[in-house]
Structure formats: structure tokens, C-alpha cells
């Protein structure tokens, strides 16, 4: 079974989103894709996105990044992971805080991976 992936977002914790914006948008020229209040997502030239969130604690030295893959077929990916023996942390659901439908699973190295699609 194959899926048509639409992109990737890697999230990092941040304390000051304005300072983050000044570096990534104003200095490096990354386009602001979406401002969710506590998260800002930037398009990475050449593909993918990087996000910074104040509700994700910056924890240097730990496996804190959240790797997010985008697909319209979140449920099919969930089914495939279960079929392959992985144990997602929850079933796919609409997030009450952000406009996404998603679920989480840990990769073999312990990184948290999110499979999601935007609902807006």
C-alpha cells in the first residue's frame, strides 16, 4: 500500500515566537504559512515546513522534536501502522484546539510522529 504524501512539518519548542519570526521569516526569508497563535508554521524553501510552538517545551538534549507528516488519508495510514504492529498513541481525531485531524505514534527511536491533515 502506498500513500500520496503532501509534505512534512517538524515542530520545535519556542519561548518567543516574535524572536523566532524575526530569524526565520525576516532574516532567512521563510514564508509564514500559518499563525495559530501558540504555533507558527513556516514553508521551508525546497519543500516541507518547520513549526515553532510555545506549548511544546524546548528541551535540548532530549528527543523533543515532533515530526509531522501531511496526508489527506490519515485513517488509511493509521490502519497500515496498526496492521504492521505499531501501536499509535490514540485513534485519529479532530483536534479541538487546532484545525487538524490527526494521531500520534512513536517511531522506533522514541520520537513522536504525528500524521495529520489540515481541516481548514
PDB file of N, CA and C in Angstrom:
ATOM      1  N   UNK A   1       0.849  -1.174   0.000  1.00  0.00           N
ATOM      2  CA  UNK A   1       0.000   0.000   0.000  1.00  0.00           C
ATOM      3  C   UNK A   1       0.898   1.241   0.000  1.00  0.00           C
ATOM      4  N   UNK A   2       0.598   2.196  -0.859  1.00  0.00           N
ATOM      5  CA  UNK A   2       1.356   3.440  -0.897  1.00  0.00           C
ATOM      6  C   UNK A   2       0.409   4.610  -0.688  1.00  0.00           C
ATOM      7  N   UNK A   3       0.968   5.702  -0.250  1.00  0.00           N
ATOM      8  CA  UNK A   3       0.198   6.918   0.019  1.00  0.00           C
ATOM      9  C   UNK A   3       0.813   8.067  -0.742  1.00  0.00           C
ATOM     10  N   UNK A   4      -0.001   9.046  -1.044  1.00  0.00           N
ATOM     11  CA  UNK A   4       0.499  10.258  -1.664  1.00  0.00           C
ATOM     12  C   UNK A   4       0.757  11.265  -0.558  1.00  0.00           C
ATOM     13  N   UNK A   5       2.015  11.360  -0.131  1.00  0.00           N
ATOM     14  CA  UNK A   5       2.380  12.298   0.926  1.00  0.00           C
ATOM     15  C   UNK A   5       2.399  13.697   0.365  1.00  0.00           C
ATOM     16  N   UNK A   6       1.990  14.664   1.167  1.00  0.00           N
ATOM     17  CA  UNK A   6       1.895  16.043   0.716  1.00  0.00           C
ATOM     18  C   UNK A   6       2.947  16.947   1.330  1.00  0.00           C
ATOM     19  N   UNK A   7       3.679  16.465   2.317  1.00  0.00           N
ATOM     20  CA  UNK A   7       4.702  17.307   2.907  1.00  0.00           C
ATOM     21  C   UNK A   7       5.090  16.829   4.288  1.00  0.00           C
ATOM     22  N   UNK A   8       5.931  17.598   4.924  1.00  0.00           N
ATOM     23  CA  UNK A   8       6.387  17.309   6.281  1.00  0.00           C
ATOM     24  C   UNK A   8       6.483  18.615   7.060  1.00  0.00           C
ATOM     25  N   UNK A   9       6.157  18.548   8.340  1.00  0.00           N
ATOM     26  CA  UNK A   9       6.353  19.667   9.264  1.00  0.00           C
ATOM     27  C   UNK A   9       7.142  19.118  10.444  1.00  0.00           C
ATOM     28  N   UNK A  10       8.201  19.796  10.830  1.00  0.00           N
ATOM     29  CA  UNK A  10       8.923  19.455  12.045  1.00  0.00           C
ATOM     30  C   UNK A  10       8.706  20.581  13.039  1.00  0.00           C
ATOM     31  N   UNK A  11       8.204  20.231  14.243  1.00  0.00           N
ATOM     32  CA  UNK A  11       7.903  21.224  15.276  1.00  0.00           C
ATOM     33  C   UNK A  11       8.988  21.257  16.340  1.00  0.00           C
ATOM     34  N   UNK A  12       9.251  22.459  16.829  1.00  0.00           N
ATOM     35  CA  UNK A  12      10.209  22.675  17.901  1.00  0.00           C
ATOM     36  C   UNK A  12       9.595  23.600  18.937  1.00  0.00           C
ATOM     37  N   UNK A  13       9.999  23.419  20.169  1.00  0.00           N
ATOM     38  CA  UNK A  13       9.542  24.311  21.225  1.00  0.00           C
ATOM     39  C   UNK A  13      10.164  25.691  21.066  1.00  0.00           C
ATOM     40  N   UNK A  14       9.449  26.689  21.556  1.00  0.00           N
ATOM     41  CA  UNK A  14       9.934  28.069  21.484  1.00  0.00           C
ATOM     42  C   UNK A  14       9.372  28.863  22.653  1.00  0.00           C
ATOM     43  N   UNK A  15      10.135  29.816  23.096  1.00  0.00           N
ATOM     44  CA  UNK A  15       9.674  30.697  24.174  1.00  0.00           C
ATOM     45  C   UNK A  15       9.157  32.024  23.639  1.00  0.00           C
ATOM     46  N   UNK A  16       9.683  32.472  22.495  1.00  0.00           N
ATOM     47  CA  UNK A  16       9.343  33.799  21.970  1.00  0.00           C
ATOM     48  C   UNK A  16       9.110  33.697  20.463  1.00  0.00           C
ATOM     49  N   UNK A  17       7.836  33.640  20.064  1.00  0.00           N
ATOM     50  CA  UNK A  17       7.516  33.463  18.643  1.00  0.00           C
ATOM     51  C   UNK A  17       7.893  34.676  17.800  1.00  0.00           C
ATOM     52  N   UNK A  18       7.897  35.855  18.398  1.00  0.00           N
ATOM     53  CA  UNK A  18       8.315  37.036  17.642  1.00  0.00           C
ATOM     54  C   UNK A  18       9.807  36.969  17.309  1.00  0.00           C
ATOM     55  N   UNK A  19      10.597  36.491  18.245  1.00  0.00           N
ATOM     56  CA  UNK A  19      12.029  36.331  18.005  1.00  0.00           C
ATOM     57  C   UNK A  19      12.263  35.254  16.943  1.00  0.00           C
ATOM     58  N   UNK A  20      11.482  34.180  17.012  1.00  0.00           N
ATOM     59  CA  UNK A  20      11.556  33.121  16.003  1.00  0.00           C
ATOM     60  C   UNK A  20      11.214  33.688  14.625  1.00  0.00           C
ATOM     61  N   UNK A  21      10.144  34.482  14.569  1.00  0.00           N
ATOM     62  CA  UNK A  21       9.706  35.075  13.295  1.00  0.00           C
ATOM     63  C   UNK A  21      10.794  35.989  12.713  1.00  0.00           C
ATOM     64  N   UNK A  22      11.400  36.760  13.584  1.00  0.00           N
ATOM     65  CA  UNK A  22      12.448  37.677  13.114  1.00  0.00           C
ATOM     66  C   UNK A  22      13.598  36.915  12.455  1.00  0.00           C
ATOM     67  N   UNK A  23      13.921  35.760  12.994  1.00  0.00           N
ATOM     68  CA  UNK A  23      15.018  34.975  12.429  1.00  0.00           C
ATOM     69  C   UNK A  23      14.590  34.239  11.163  1.00  0.00           C
ATOM     70  N   UNK A  24      13.506  33.449  11.245  1.00  0.00           N
ATOM     71  CA  UNK A  24      13.127  32.582  10.124  1.00  0.00           C
ATOM     72  C   UNK A  24      12.458  33.324   8.978  1.00  0.00           C
ATOM     73  N   UNK A  25      11.590  34.267   9.277  1.00  0.00           N
ATOM     74  CA  UNK A  25      10.888  34.985   8.203  1.00  0.00           C
ATOM     75  C   UNK A  25      11.655  36.224   7.757  1.00  0.00           C
ATOM     76  N   UNK A  26      11.944  37.091   8.718  1.00  0.00           N
ATOM     77  CA  UNK A  26      12.566  38.363   8.361  1.00  0.00           C
ATOM     78  C   UNK A  26      14.022  38.213   7.917  1.00  0.00           C
ATOM     79  N   UNK A  27      14.757  37.299   8.535  1.00  0.00           N
ATOM     80  CA  UNK A  27      16.173  37.145   8.205  1.00  0.00           C
ATOM     81  C   UNK A  27      16.402  36.106   7.111  1.00  0.00           C
ATOM     82  N   UNK A  28      15.866  34.904   7.296  1.00  0.00           N
ATOM     83  CA  UNK A  28      16.105  33.829   6.328  1.00  0.00           C
ATOM     84  C   UNK A  28      15.136  33.839   5.155  1.00  0.00           C
ATOM     85  N   UNK A  29      14.024  34.548   5.287  1.00  0.00           N
ATOM     86  CA  UNK A  29      13.083  34.667   4.182  1.00  0.00           C
ATOM     87  C   UNK A  29      12.072  33.546   4.049  1.00  0.00           C
ATOM     88  N   UNK A  30      11.914  32.708   5.097  1.00  0.00           N
ATOM     89  CA  UNK A  30      10.883  31.670   5.045  1.00  0.00           C
ATOM     90  C   UNK A  30       9.516  32.331   5.106  1.00  0.00           C
ATOM     91  N   UNK A  31       8.606  31.870   4.270  1.00  0.00           N
ATOM     92  CA  UNK A  31       7.250  32.417   4.232  1.00  0.00           C
ATOM     93  C   UNK A  31       6.428  31.848   5.390  1.00  0.00           C
ATOM     94  N   UNK A  32       5.740  32.739   6.123  1.00  0.00           N
ATOM     95  CA  UNK A  32       4.827  32.297   7.173  1.00  0.00           C
ATOM     96  C   UNK A  32       3.641  31.615   6.511  1.00  0.00           C
ATOM     97  N   UNK A  33       3.465  30.337   6.786  1.00  0.00           N
ATOM     98  CA  UNK A  33       2.375  29.565   6.200  1.00  0.00           C
ATOM     99  C   UNK A  33       1.106  29.723   7.027  1.00  0.00           C
ATOM    100  N   UNK A  34       1.237  29.659   8.351  1.00  0.00           N
ATOM    101  CA  UNK A  34       0.066  29.731   9.215  1.00  0.00           C
ATOM    102  C   UNK A  34       0.487  30.188  10.607  1.00  0.00           C
ATOM    103  N   UNK A  35      -0.283  31.115  11.161  1.00  0.00           N
ATOM    104  CA  UNK A  35      -0.080  31.542  12.549  1.00  0.00           C
ATOM    105  C   UNK A  35      -1.274  31.043  13.341  1.00  0.00           C
ATOM    106  N   UNK A  36      -1.025  30.096  14.251  1.00  0.00           N
ATOM    107  CA  UNK A  36      -2.098  29.505  15.053  1.00  0.00           C
ATOM    108  C   UNK A  36      -2.144  30.099  16.461  1.00  0.00           C
ATOM    109  N   UNK A  37      -1.487  31.216  16.656  1.00  0.00           N
ATOM    110  CA  UNK A  37      -1.457  31.826  17.975  1.00  0.00           C
ATOM    111  C   UNK A  37      -0.287  31.319  18.796  1.00  0.00           C
ATOM    112  N   UNK A  38      -0.369  30.073  19.233  1.00  0.00           N
ATOM    113  CA  UNK A  38       0.725  29.484  20.016  1.00  0.00           C
ATOM    114  C   UNK A  38       1.715  28.720  19.135  1.00  0.00           C
ATOM    115  N   UNK A  39       1.425  28.627  17.855  1.00  0.00           N
ATOM    116  CA  UNK A  39       2.330  27.980  16.885  1.00  0.00           C
ATOM    117  C   UNK A  39       2.400  28.821  15.622  1.00  0.00           C
ATOM    118  N   UNK A  40       3.579  28.852  15.048  1.00  0.00           N
ATOM    119  CA  UNK A  40       3.756  29.470  13.737  1.00  0.00           C
ATOM    120  C   UNK A  40       4.459  28.471  12.847  1.00  0.00           C
ATOM    121  N   UNK A  41       3.917  28.297  11.643  1.00  0.00           N
ATOM    122  CA  UNK A  41       4.455  27.350  10.677  1.00  0.00           C
ATOM    123  C   UNK A  41       5.033  28.117   9.505  1.00  0.00           C
ATOM    124  N   UNK A  42       6.226  27.701   9.085  1.00  0.00           N
ATOM    125  CA  UNK A  42       6.935  28.364   8.000  1.00  0.00           C
ATOM    126  C   UNK A  42       7.238  27.373   6.893  1.00  0.00           C
ATOM    127  N   UNK A  43       7.051  27.822   5.648  1.00  0.00           N
ATOM    128  CA  UNK A  43       7.406  26.991   4.496  1.00  0.00           C
ATOM    129  C   UNK A  43       8.922  26.987   4.345  1.00  0.00           C
ATOM    130  N   UNK A  44       9.482  25.817   4.211  1.00  0.00           N
ATOM    131  CA  UNK A  44      10.916  25.687   4.011  1.00  0.00           C
ATOM    132  C   UNK A  44      11.167  25.652   2.497  1.00  0.00           C
ATOM    133  N   UNK A  45      11.981  26.564   1.985  1.00  0.00           N
ATOM    134  CA  UNK A  45      12.253  26.538   0.552  1.00  0.00           C
ATOM    135  C   UNK A  45      12.770  25.164   0.127  1.00  0.00           C
ATOM    136  N   UNK A  46      12.223  24.660  -0.956  1.00  0.00           N
ATOM    137  CA  UNK A  46      12.611  23.345  -1.434  1.00  0.00           C
ATOM    138  C   UNK A  46      11.708  22.233  -0.924  1.00  0.00           C
ATOM    139  N   UNK A  47      10.820  22.566   0.021  1.00  0.00           N
ATOM    140  CA  UNK A  47       9.866  21.571   0.482  1.00  0.00           C
ATOM    141  C   UNK A  47       9.812  21.440   1.986  1.00  0.00           C
ATOM    142  N   UNK A  48       8.656  21.089   2.471  1.00  0.00           N
ATOM    143  CA  UNK A  48       8.449  20.886   3.887  1.00  0.00           C
ATOM    144  C   UNK A  48       8.198  22.176   4.642  1.00  0.00           C
ATOM    145  N   UNK A  49       7.946  22.006   5.927  1.00  0.00           N
ATOM    146  CA  UNK A  49       7.694  23.140   6.806  1.00  0.00           C
ATOM    147  C   UNK A  49       8.360  22.906   8.140  1.00  0.00           C
ATOM    148  N   UNK A  50       8.566  24.012   8.828  1.00  0.00           N
ATOM    149  CA  UNK A  50       9.082  23.967  10.182  1.00  0.00           C
ATOM    150  C   UNK A  50       8.133  24.786  11.045  1.00  0.00           C
ATOM    151  N   UNK A  51       7.816  24.263  12.215  1.00  0.00           N
ATOM    152  CA  UNK A  51       6.891  24.940  13.103  1.00  0.00           C
ATOM    153  C   UNK A  51       7.514  25.167  14.465  1.00  0.00           C
ATOM    154  N   UNK A  52       7.113  26.262  15.094  1.00  0.00           N
ATOM    155  CA  UNK A  52       7.578  26.589  16.438  1.00  0.00           C
ATOM    156  C   UNK A  52       6.365  26.858  17.302  1.00  0.00           C
ATOM    157  N   UNK A  53       6.340  26.243  18.482  1.00  0.00           N
ATOM    158  CA  UNK A  53       5.168  26.327  19.360  1.00  0.00           C
ATOM    159  C   UNK A  53       5.589  26.638  20.784  1.00  0.00           C
ATOM    160  N   UNK A  54       4.821  27.527  21.416  1.00  0.00           N
ATOM    161  CA  UNK A  54       5.126  27.874  22.805  1.00  0.00           C
ATOM    162  C   UNK A  54       4.626  26.828  23.783  1.00  0.00           C
ATOM    163  N   UNK A  55       3.708  25.963  23.366  1.00  0.00           N
ATOM    164  CA  UNK A  55       3.218  24.918  24.274  1.00  0.00           C
ATOM    165  C   UNK A  55       4.044  23.634  24.194  1.00  0.00           C
ATOM    166  N   UNK A  56       5.066  23.611  23.330  1.00  0.00           N
ATOM    167  CA  UNK A  56       5.997  22.488  23.243  1.00  0.00           C
ATOM    168  C   UNK A  56       7.268  22.938  23.957  1.00  0.00           C
ATOM    169  N   UNK A  57       7.604  22.310  25.074  1.00  0.00           N
ATOM    170  CA  UNK A  57       8.772  22.792  25.817  1.00  0.00           C
ATOM    171  C   UNK A  57      10.079  22.549  25.069  1.00  0.00           C
ATOM    172  N   UNK A  58      10.914  23.602  24.993  1.00  0.00           N
ATOM    173  CA  UNK A  58      12.232  23.382  24.406  1.00  0.00           C
ATOM    174  C   UNK A  58      13.063  22.552  25.398  1.00  0.00           C
ATOM    175  N   UNK A  59      13.480  21.381  24.982  1.00  0.00           N
ATOM    176  CA  UNK A  59      14.234  20.503  25.877  1.00  0.00           C
ATOM    177  C   UNK A  59      15.481  20.000  25.160  1.00  0.00           C
ATOM    178  N   UNK A  60      16.500  20.837  25.081  1.00  0.00           N
ATOM    179  CA  UNK A  60      17.734  20.405  24.418  1.00  0.00           C
ATOM    180  C   UNK A  60      18.285  19.128  25.058  1.00  0.00           C
ATOM    181  N   UNK A  61      18.790  18.246  24.206  1.00  0.00           N
ATOM    182  CA  UNK A  61      19.370  17.011  24.699  1.00  0.00           C
ATOM    183  C   UNK A  61      18.385  15.871  24.793  1.00  0.00           C
ATOM    184  N   UNK A  62      17.110  16.140  24.670  1.00  0.00           N
ATOM    185  CA  UNK A  62      16.100  15.086  24.701  1.00  0.00           C
ATOM    186  C   UNK A  62      15.506  14.944  23.305  1.00  0.00           C
ATOM    187  N   UNK A  63      14.776  13.884  23.109  1.00  0.00           N
ATOM    188  CA  UNK A  63      14.138  13.655  21.809  1.00  0.00           C
ATOM    189  C   UNK A  63      12.803  14.385  21.768  1.00  0.00           C
ATOM    190  N   UNK A  64      12.872  15.712  21.698  1.00  0.00           N
ATOM    191  CA  UNK A  64      11.679  16.528  21.798  1.00  0.00           C
ATOM    192  C   UNK A  64      11.045  16.943  20.477  1.00  0.00           C
ATOM    193  N   UNK A  65      11.738  16.932  19.345  1.00  0.00           N
ATOM    194  CA  UNK A  65      11.053  17.366  18.125  1.00  0.00           C
ATOM    195  C   UNK A  65       9.845  16.489  17.816  1.00  0.00           C
ATOM    196  N   UNK A  66       8.838  17.102  17.251  1.00  0.00           N
ATOM    197  CA  UNK A  66       7.644  16.400  16.804  1.00  0.00           C
ATOM    198  C   UNK A  66       7.700  16.367  15.283  1.00  0.00           C
ATOM    199  N   UNK A  67       7.749  15.185  14.716  1.00  0.00           N
ATOM    200  CA  UNK A  67       7.827  15.031  13.266  1.00  0.00           C
ATOM    201  C   UNK A  67       6.415  14.824  12.753  1.00  0.00           C
ATOM    202  N   UNK A  68       5.967  15.701  11.873  1.00  0.00           N
ATOM    203  CA  UNK A  68       4.607  15.647  11.374  1.00  0.00           C
ATOM    204  C   UNK A  68       4.607  15.436   9.865  1.00  0.00           C
ATOM    205  N   UNK A  69       3.882  14.417   9.433  1.00  0.00           N
ATOM    206  CA  UNK A  69       3.724  14.144   8.007  1.00  0.00           C
ATOM    207  C   UNK A  69       2.293  14.459   7.613  1.00  0.00           C
ATOM    208  N   UNK A  70       2.141  15.102   6.466  1.00  0.00           N
ATOM    209  CA  UNK A  70       0.826  15.515   5.985  1.00  0.00           C
ATOM    210  C   UNK A  70       0.309  14.565   4.919  1.00  0.00           C
ATOM    211  N   UNK A  71      -0.945  14.165   5.072  1.00  0.00           N
ATOM    212  CA  UNK A  71      -1.628  13.349   4.077  1.00  0.00           C
ATOM    213  C   UNK A  71      -3.124  13.551   4.231  1.00  0.00           C
ATOM    214  N   UNK A  72      -3.853  13.448   3.151  1.00  0.00           N
ATOM    215  CA  UNK A  72      -5.312  13.527   3.233  1.00  0.00           C
ATOM    216  C   UNK A  72      -5.894  12.244   3.800  1.00  0.00           C
ATOM    217  N   UNK A  73      -5.162  11.141   3.709  1.00  0.00           N
ATOM    218  CA  UNK A  73      -5.694   9.835   4.107  1.00  0.00           C
ATOM    219  C   UNK A  73      -5.140   9.379   5.463  1.00  0.00           C
ATOM    220  N   UNK A  74      -5.405  10.182   6.492  1.00  0.00           N
ATOM    221  CA  UNK A  74      -4.935   9.910   7.849  1.00  0.00           C
ATOM    222  C   UNK A  74      -5.404   8.532   8.331  1.00  0.00           C
ATOM    223  N   UNK A  75      -6.664   8.205   8.077  1.00  0.00           N
ATOM    224  CA  UNK A  75      -7.221   6.929   8.556  1.00  0.00           C
ATOM    225  C   UNK A  75      -6.532   5.723   7.912  1.00  0.00           C
ATOM    226  N   UNK A  76      -6.182   5.827   6.641  1.00  0.00           N
ATOM    227  CA  UNK A  76      -5.507   4.712   5.968  1.00  0.00           C
ATOM    228  C   UNK A  76      -4.105   4.508   6.537  1.00  0.00           C
ATOM    229  N   UNK A  77      -3.421   5.598   6.863  1.00  0.00           N
ATOM    230  CA  UNK A  77      -2.091   5.474   7.459  1.00  0.00           C
ATOM    231  C   UNK A  77      -2.204   4.840   8.844  1.00  0.00           C
ATOM    232  N   UNK A  78      -3.201   5.269   9.605  1.00  0.00           N
ATOM    233  CA  UNK A  78      -3.436   4.669  10.932  1.00  0.00           C
ATOM    234  C   UNK A  78      -3.641   3.158  10.797  1.00  0.00           C
ATOM    235  N   UNK A  79      -4.498   2.763   9.878  1.00  0.00           N
ATOM    236  CA  UNK A  79      -4.777   1.335   9.668  1.00  0.00           C
ATOM    237  C   UNK A  79      -3.518   0.568   9.279  1.00  0.00           C
ATOM    238  N   UNK A  80      -2.717   1.151   8.405  1.00  0.00           N
ATOM    239  CA  UNK A  80      -1.486   0.496   7.982  1.00  0.00           C
ATOM    240  C   UNK A  80      -0.527   0.306   9.159  1.00  0.00           C
ATOM    241  N   UNK A  81      -0.366   1.330   9.977  1.00  0.00           N
ATOM    242  CA  UNK A  81       0.539   1.230  11.126  1.00  0.00           C
ATOM    243  C   UNK A  81       0.074   0.143  12.098  1.00  0.00           C
ATOM    244  N   UNK A  82      -1.223   0.096  12.357  1.00  0.00           N
ATOM    245  CA  UNK A  82      -1.770  -0.936  13.240  1.00  0.00           C
ATOM    246  C   UNK A  82      -1.536  -2.317  12.630  1.00  0.00           C
ATOM    247  N   UNK A  83      -1.795  -2.424  11.331  1.00  0.00           N
ATOM    248  CA  UNK A  83      -1.595  -3.686  10.619  1.00  0.00           C
ATOM    249  C   UNK A  83      -0.142  -4.162  10.700  1.00  0.00           C
ATOM    250  N   UNK A  84       0.794  -3.224  10.687  1.00  0.00           N
ATOM    251  CA  UNK A  84       2.219  -3.548  10.730  1.00  0.00           C
ATOM    252  C   UNK A  84       2.723  -3.769  12.161  1.00  0.00           C
ATOM    253  N   UNK A  85       1.833  -3.664  13.148  1.00  0.00           N
ATOM    254  CA  UNK A  85       2.227  -3.943  14.519  1.00  0.00           C
ATOM    255  C   UNK A  85       2.620  -2.754  15.370  1.00  0.00           C
ATOM    256  N   UNK A  86       2.525  -1.549  14.807  1.00  0.00           N
ATOM    257  CA  UNK A  86       2.816  -0.357  15.596  1.00  0.00           C
ATOM    258  C   UNK A  86       1.603  -0.031  16.453  1.00  0.00           C
ATOM    259  N   UNK A  87       1.837   0.632  17.560  1.00  0.00           N
ATOM    260  CA  UNK A  87       0.764   0.968  18.484  1.00  0.00           C
ATOM    261  C   UNK A  87       0.612   2.488  18.571  1.00  0.00           C
ATOM    262  N   UNK A  88      -0.239   3.081  17.714  1.00  0.00           N
ATOM    263  CA  UNK A  88      -0.472   4.518  17.819  1.00  0.00           C
ATOM    264  C   UNK A  88      -0.936   4.882  19.230  1.00  0.00           C
ATOM    265  N   UNK A  89      -0.594   6.090  19.646  1.00  0.00           N
ATOM    266  CA  UNK A  89      -0.919   6.545  20.994  1.00  0.00           C
ATOM    267  C   UNK A  89      -2.407   6.825  21.166  1.00  0.00           C
ATOM    268  N   UNK A  90      -3.110   7.004  20.050  1.00  0.00           N
ATOM    269  CA  UNK A  90      -4.556   7.263  20.074  1.00  0.00           C
ATOM    270  C   UNK A  90      -5.093   7.056  18.668  1.00  0.00           C
ATOM    271  N   UNK A  91      -6.411   6.974  18.565  1.00  0.00           N
ATOM    272  CA  UNK A  91      -7.042   6.876  17.245  1.00  0.00           C
ATOM    273  C   UNK A  91      -7.095   8.263  16.608  1.00  0.00           C
ATOM    274  N   UNK A  92      -7.173   8.319  15.272  1.00  0.00           N
ATOM    275  CA  UNK A  92      -7.283   9.624  14.616  1.00  0.00           C
ATOM    276  C   UNK A  92      -8.487  10.397  15.133  1.00  0.00           C
ATOM    277  N   UNK A  93      -8.294  11.698  15.291  1.00  0.00           N
ATOM    278  CA  UNK A  93      -9.380  12.553  15.785  1.00  0.00           C
ATOM    279  C   UNK A  93      -9.152  13.990  15.332  1.00  0.00           C
ATOM    280  N   UNK A  94     -10.228  14.755  15.381  1.00  0.00           N
ATOM    281  CA  UNK A  94     -10.137  16.187  15.100  1.00  0.00           C
ATOM    282  C   UNK A  94      -9.631  16.859  16.370  1.00  0.00           C
ATOM    283  N   UNK A  95      -8.631  17.693  16.217  1.00  0.00           N
ATOM    284  CA  UNK A  95      -8.066  18.397  17.354  1.00  0.00           C
ATOM    285  C   UNK A  95      -8.991  19.552  17.729  1.00  0.00           C
ATOM    286  N   UNK A  96      -9.386  19.658  19.008  1.00  0.00           N
ATOM    287  CA  UNK A  96     -10.292  20.731  19.403  1.00  0.00           C
ATOM    288  C   UNK A  96      -9.626  22.112  19.437  1.00  0.00           C
ATOM    289  N   UNK A  97      -8.292  22.147  19.439  1.00  0.00           N
ATOM    290  CA  UNK A  97      -7.580  23.419  19.567  1.00  0.00           C
ATOM    291  C   UNK A  97      -7.050  23.941  18.234  1.00  0.00           C
ATOM    292  N   UNK A  98      -6.680  23.017  17.348  1.00  0.00           N
ATOM    293  CA  UNK A  98      -6.088  23.395  16.076  1.00  0.00           C
ATOM    294  C   UNK A  98      -6.899  22.778  14.934  1.00  0.00           C
ATOM    295  N   UNK A  99      -6.886  23.404  13.750  1.00  0.00           N
ATOM    296  CA  UNK A  99      -7.684  22.893  12.627  1.00  0.00           C
ATOM    297  C   UNK A  99      -7.008  21.707  11.937  1.00  0.00           C
ATOM    298  N   UNK A 100      -6.866  20.597  12.674  1.00  0.00           N
ATOM    299  CA  UNK A 100      -6.245  19.410  12.105  1.00  0.00           C
ATOM    300  C   UNK A 100      -6.991  18.152  12.532  1.00  0.00           C
ATOM    301  N   UNK A 101      -6.881  17.128  11.715  1.00  0.00           N
ATOM    302  CA  UNK A 101      -7.340  15.773  12.009  1.00  0.00           C
ATOM    303  C   UNK A 101      -6.066  14.950  12.069  1.00  0.00           C
ATOM    304  N   UNK A 102      -5.828  14.213  13.169  1.00  0.00           N
ATOM    305  CA  UNK A 102      -4.508  13.631  13.351  1.00  0.00           C
ATOM    306  C   UNK A 102      -4.486  12.496  14.373  1.00  0.00           C
ATOM    307  N   UNK A 103      -3.308  11.865  14.457  1.00  0.00           N
ATOM    308  CA  UNK A 103      -2.995  10.928  15.528  1.00  0.00           C
ATOM    309  C   UNK A 103      -1.488  10.912  15.699  1.00  0.00           C
ATOM    310  N   UNK A 104      -1.047  10.300  16.798  1.00  0.00           N
ATOM    311  CA  UNK A 104       0.375  10.234  17.115  1.00  0.00           C
ATOM    312  C   UNK A 104       0.820   8.785  17.263  1.00  0.00           C
ATOM    313  N   UNK A 105       2.088   8.554  16.947  1.00  0.00           N
ATOM    314  CA  UNK A 105       2.727   7.257  17.129  1.00  0.00           C
ATOM    315  C   UNK A 105       4.196   7.539  17.431  1.00  0.00           C
ATOM    316  N   UNK A 106       4.846   6.669  18.173  1.00  0.00           N
ATOM    317  CA  UNK A 106       6.279   6.823  18.399  1.00  0.00           C
ATOM    318  C   UNK A 106       7.036   5.988  17.383  1.00  0.00           C
ATOM    319  N   UNK A 107       8.126   6.559  16.860  1.00  0.00           N
ATOM    320  CA  UNK A 107       8.945   5.781  15.943  1.00  0.00           C
ATOM    321  C   UNK A 107       9.856   4.850  16.760  1.00  0.00           C
ATOM    322  N   UNK A 108      10.585   3.964  16.108  1.00  0.00           N
ATOM    323  CA  UNK A 108      11.415   3.010  16.845  1.00  0.00           C
ATOM    324  C   UNK A 108      12.492   3.652  17.726  1.00  0.00           C
ATOM    325  N   UNK A 109      12.863   4.884  17.452  1.00  0.00           N
ATOM    326  CA  UNK A 109      13.860   5.573  18.256  1.00  0.00           C
ATOM    327  C   UNK A 109      13.235   6.377  19.395  1.00  0.00           C
ATOM    328  N   UNK A 110      11.907   6.355  19.481  1.00  0.00           N
ATOM    329  CA  UNK A 110      11.235   7.084  20.552  1.00  0.00           C
ATOM    330  C   UNK A 110      10.769   8.476  20.188  1.00  0.00           C
ATOM    331  N   UNK A 111      10.961   8.881  18.934  1.00  0.00           N
ATOM    332  CA  UNK A 111      10.462  10.189  18.516  1.00  0.00           C
ATOM    333  C   UNK A 111       8.957  10.138  18.301  1.00  0.00           C
ATOM    334  N   UNK A 112       8.285  11.197  18.679  1.00  0.00           N
ATOM    335  CA  UNK A 112       6.844  11.287  18.478  1.00  0.00           C
ATOM    336  C   UNK A 112       6.578  11.745  17.041  1.00  0.00           C
ATOM    337  N   UNK A 113       5.781  10.969  16.343  1.00  0.00           N
ATOM    338  CA  UNK A 113       5.433  11.263  14.954  1.00  0.00           C
ATOM    339  C   UNK A 113       3.936  11.508  14.895  1.00  0.00           C
ATOM    340  N   UNK A 114       3.557  12.571  14.206  1.00  0.00           N
ATOM    341  CA  UNK A 114       2.154  12.919  14.022  1.00  0.00           C
ATOM    342  C   UNK A 114       1.814  12.732  12.550  1.00  0.00           C
ATOM    343  N   UNK A 115       0.674  12.099  12.295  1.00  0.00           N
ATOM    344  CA  UNK A 115       0.133  12.009  10.941  1.00  0.00           C
ATOM    345  C   UNK A 115      -1.091  12.902  10.933  1.00  0.00           C
ATOM    346  N   UNK A 116      -1.140  13.859  10.026  1.00  0.00           N
ATOM    347  CA  UNK A 116      -2.233  14.835  10.078  1.00  0.00           C
ATOM    348  C   UNK A 116      -2.618  15.373   8.717  1.00  0.00           C
ATOM    349  N   UNK A 117      -3.813  15.955   8.722  1.00  0.00           N
ATOM    350  CA  UNK A 117      -4.261  16.789   7.590  1.00  0.00           C
ATOM    351  C   UNK A 117      -4.916  18.018   8.175  1.00  0.00           C
ATOM    352  N   UNK A 118      -4.814  19.118   7.451  1.00  0.00           N
ATOM    353  CA  UNK A 118      -5.481  20.346   7.879  1.00  0.00           C
ATOM    354  C   UNK A 118      -6.957  20.250   7.543  1.00  0.00           C
ATOM    355  N   UNK A 119      -7.808  20.743   8.425  1.00  0.00           N
ATOM    356  CA  UNK A 119      -9.249  20.697   8.197  1.00  0.00           C
ATOM    357  C   UNK A 119      -9.783  22.034   7.692  1.00  0.00           C
ATOM    358  N   UNK A 120      -8.933  23.010   7.571  1.00  0.00           N
ATOM    359  CA  UNK A 120      -9.344  24.320   7.031  1.00  0.00           C
ATOM    360  C   UNK A 120      -8.515  24.658   5.832  1.00  0.00           C
TER     361      UNK A 120
END
